[in-house]
Amino acid sequence: MQEIQCVTFNAKQAAKYVGVSYWTMLNLARQGLITHFRCGNKILFRKTMLDEWMEESENCNYVLDDGLPVYTRNDRISRSQVL
């Protein structure tokens, strides 16, 4: 009998997998910075999309401004550029 592999995560599982807080994961989803979908009232994340997002994010910096992530492709960004 074949074992079923989990291909989707809820927000808590996705946050743990990526290594961020639950609230950061929800903020990323709310801002449309990470691919997700809804099933009823649940927010779900595909493992493959999380892997792709992490790979793309390796070359990006982010600055937390009021708790919301801001992404840039620059090597360095000053806080004044974000505000």
C-alpha atoms as a PDB file:
ATOM      1  CA  MET A   1       0.000   0.000   0.000  1.00  0.00           C
ATOM      2  CA  GLN A   2       1.345   3.430  -0.981  1.00  0.00           C
ATOM      3  CA  GLU A   3       1.818   6.069   1.676  1.00  0.00           C
ATOM      4  CA  ILE A   4       0.073   9.383   0.954  1.00  0.00           C
ATOM      5  CA  GLN A   5       2.445  12.357   0.938  1.00  0.00           C
ATOM      6  CA  CYS A   6       1.237  15.683   2.324  1.00  0.00           C
ATOM      7  CA  VAL A   7       1.385  18.268  -0.470  1.00  0.00           C
ATOM      8  CA  THR A   8      -0.396  21.141   1.274  1.00  0.00           C
ATOM      9  CA  PHE A   9       0.188  22.889   4.583  1.00  0.00           C
ATOM     10  CA  ASN A  10      -2.071  25.072   6.680  1.00  0.00           C
ATOM     11  CA  ALA A  11      -0.638  28.436   7.786  1.00  0.00           C
ATOM     12  CA  LYS A  12       0.939  27.070  10.989  1.00  0.00           C
ATOM     13  CA  GLN A  13       2.557  24.148   9.196  1.00  0.00           C
ATOM     14  CA  ALA A  14       3.758  26.385   6.349  1.00  0.00           C
ATOM     15  CA  ALA A  15       5.254  28.870   8.812  1.00  0.00           C
ATOM     16  CA  LYS A  16       7.144  26.093  10.578  1.00  0.00           C
ATOM     17  CA  TYR A  17       8.328  24.643   7.253  1.00  0.00           C
ATOM     18  CA  VAL A  18       9.585  28.027   6.006  1.00  0.00           C
ATOM     19  CA  GLY A  19      10.946  29.102   9.398  1.00  0.00           C
ATOM     20  CA  VAL A  20       8.861  32.217  10.029  1.00  0.00           C
ATOM     21  CA  SER A  21       6.150  33.047  12.525  1.00  0.00           C
ATOM     22  CA  TYR A  22       2.513  32.178  11.923  1.00  0.00           C
ATOM     23  CA  TRP A  23       1.641  35.892  11.734  1.00  0.00           C
ATOM     24  CA  THR A  24       4.387  36.592   9.200  1.00  0.00           C
ATOM     25  CA  MET A  25       3.065  33.751   7.033  1.00  0.00           C
ATOM     26  CA  LEU A  26      -0.441  35.231   7.172  1.00  0.00           C
ATOM     27  CA  ASN A  27       0.914  38.697   6.313  1.00  0.00           C
ATOM     28  CA  LEU A  28       2.828  37.286   3.330  1.00  0.00           C
ATOM     29  CA  ALA A  29      -0.340  35.606   2.083  1.00  0.00           C
ATOM     30  CA  ARG A  30      -2.518  38.677   2.707  1.00  0.00           C
ATOM     31  CA  GLN A  31      -0.101  40.875   0.724  1.00  0.00           C
ATOM     32  CA  GLY A  32       0.011  38.379  -2.134  1.00  0.00           C
ATOM     33  CA  LEU A  33       3.748  37.821  -1.689  1.00  0.00           C
ATOM     34  CA  ILE A  34       3.396  34.064  -1.337  1.00  0.00           C
ATOM     35  CA  THR A  35       1.110  31.802  -3.356  1.00  0.00           C
ATOM     36  CA  HIS A  36      -1.772  30.301  -1.404  1.00  0.00           C
ATOM     37  CA  PHE A  37      -5.383  29.268  -1.834  1.00  0.00           C
ATOM     38  CA  ARG A  38      -8.450  29.027   0.339  1.00  0.00           C
ATOM     39  CA  CYS A  39     -10.534  25.974   1.061  1.00  0.00           C
ATOM     40  CA  GLY A  40     -13.510  27.208   3.038  1.00  0.00           C
ATOM     41  CA  ASN A  41     -12.062  29.307   5.845  1.00  0.00           C
ATOM     42  CA  LYS A  42      -8.638  27.618   5.700  1.00  0.00           C
ATOM     43  CA  ILE A  43      -5.609  29.173   4.015  1.00  0.00           C
ATOM     44  CA  LEU A  44      -3.513  26.465   2.372  1.00  0.00           C
ATOM     45  CA  PHE A  45      -0.035  26.489   0.866  1.00  0.00           C
ATOM     46  CA  ARG A  46       1.364  23.935  -1.578  1.00  0.00           C
ATOM     47  CA  LYS A  47       4.756  22.544  -0.584  1.00  0.00           C
ATOM     48  CA  THR A  48       6.087  23.018  -4.122  1.00  0.00           C
ATOM     49  CA  MET A  49       5.082  26.697  -4.106  1.00  0.00           C
ATOM     50  CA  LEU A  50       6.738  27.248  -0.725  1.00  0.00           C
ATOM     51  CA  ASP A  51       9.933  25.660  -2.076  1.00  0.00           C
ATOM     52  CA  GLU A  52       9.830  27.906  -5.163  1.00  0.00           C
ATOM     53  CA  TRP A  53       9.144  30.990  -3.032  1.00  0.00           C
ATOM     54  CA  MET A  54      12.089  30.204  -0.736  1.00  0.00           C
ATOM     55  CA  GLU A  55      14.397  29.684  -3.714  1.00  0.00           C
ATOM     56  CA  GLU A  56      13.345  33.007  -5.264  1.00  0.00           C
ATOM     57  CA  SER A  57      13.621  34.758  -1.903  1.00  0.00           C
ATOM     58  CA  GLU A  58      17.228  33.691  -1.427  1.00  0.00           C
ATOM     59  CA  ASN A  59      18.241  36.520  -3.759  1.00  0.00           C
ATOM     60  CA  CYS A  60      15.898  39.081  -2.189  1.00  0.00           C
ATOM     61  CA  ASN A  61      16.197  41.133   0.968  1.00  0.00           C
ATOM     62  CA  TYR A  62      13.258  42.067   3.092  1.00  0.00           C
ATOM     63  CA  VAL A  63      12.845  44.760   5.673  1.00  0.00           C
ATOM     64  CA  LEU A  64      10.117  44.623   8.270  1.00  0.00           C
ATOM     65  CA  ASP A  65       8.329  47.960   8.375  1.00  0.00           C
ATOM     66  CA  ASP A  66       5.505  47.977  10.905  1.00  0.00           C
ATOM     67  CA  GLY A  67       5.537  44.179  10.845  1.00  0.00           C
ATOM     68  CA  LEU A  68       4.880  43.886   7.104  1.00  0.00           C
ATOM     69  CA  PRO A  69       7.563  42.481   4.797  1.00  0.00           C
ATOM     70  CA  VAL A  70       8.883  44.632   1.956  1.00  0.00           C
ATOM     71  CA  TYR A  71      10.819  42.848  -0.779  1.00  0.00           C
ATOM     72  CA  THR A  72      13.482  44.304  -3.022  1.00  0.00           C
ATOM     73  CA  ARG A  73      15.928  42.887  -5.513  1.00  0.00           C
ATOM     74  CA  ASN A  74      18.712  45.224  -4.338  1.00  0.00           C
ATOM     75  CA  ASP A  75      21.652  44.002  -2.327  1.00  0.00           C
ATOM     76  CA  ARG A  76      21.108  46.766   0.225  1.00  0.00           C
ATOM     77  CA  ILE A  77      18.138  48.927   1.081  1.00  0.00           C
ATOM     78  CA  SER A  78      17.916  51.699   3.615  1.00  0.00           C
ATOM     79  CA  ARG A  79      14.898  52.249   5.822  1.00  0.00           C
ATOM     80  CA  SER A  80      14.352  55.684   4.236  1.00  0.00           C
ATOM     81  CA  GLN A  81      13.922  54.035   0.821  1.00  0.00           C
ATOM     82  CA  VAL A  82      11.074  51.912   2.190  1.00  0.00           C
ATOM     83  CA  LEU A  83       9.230  54.732   3.937  1.00  0.00           C
END
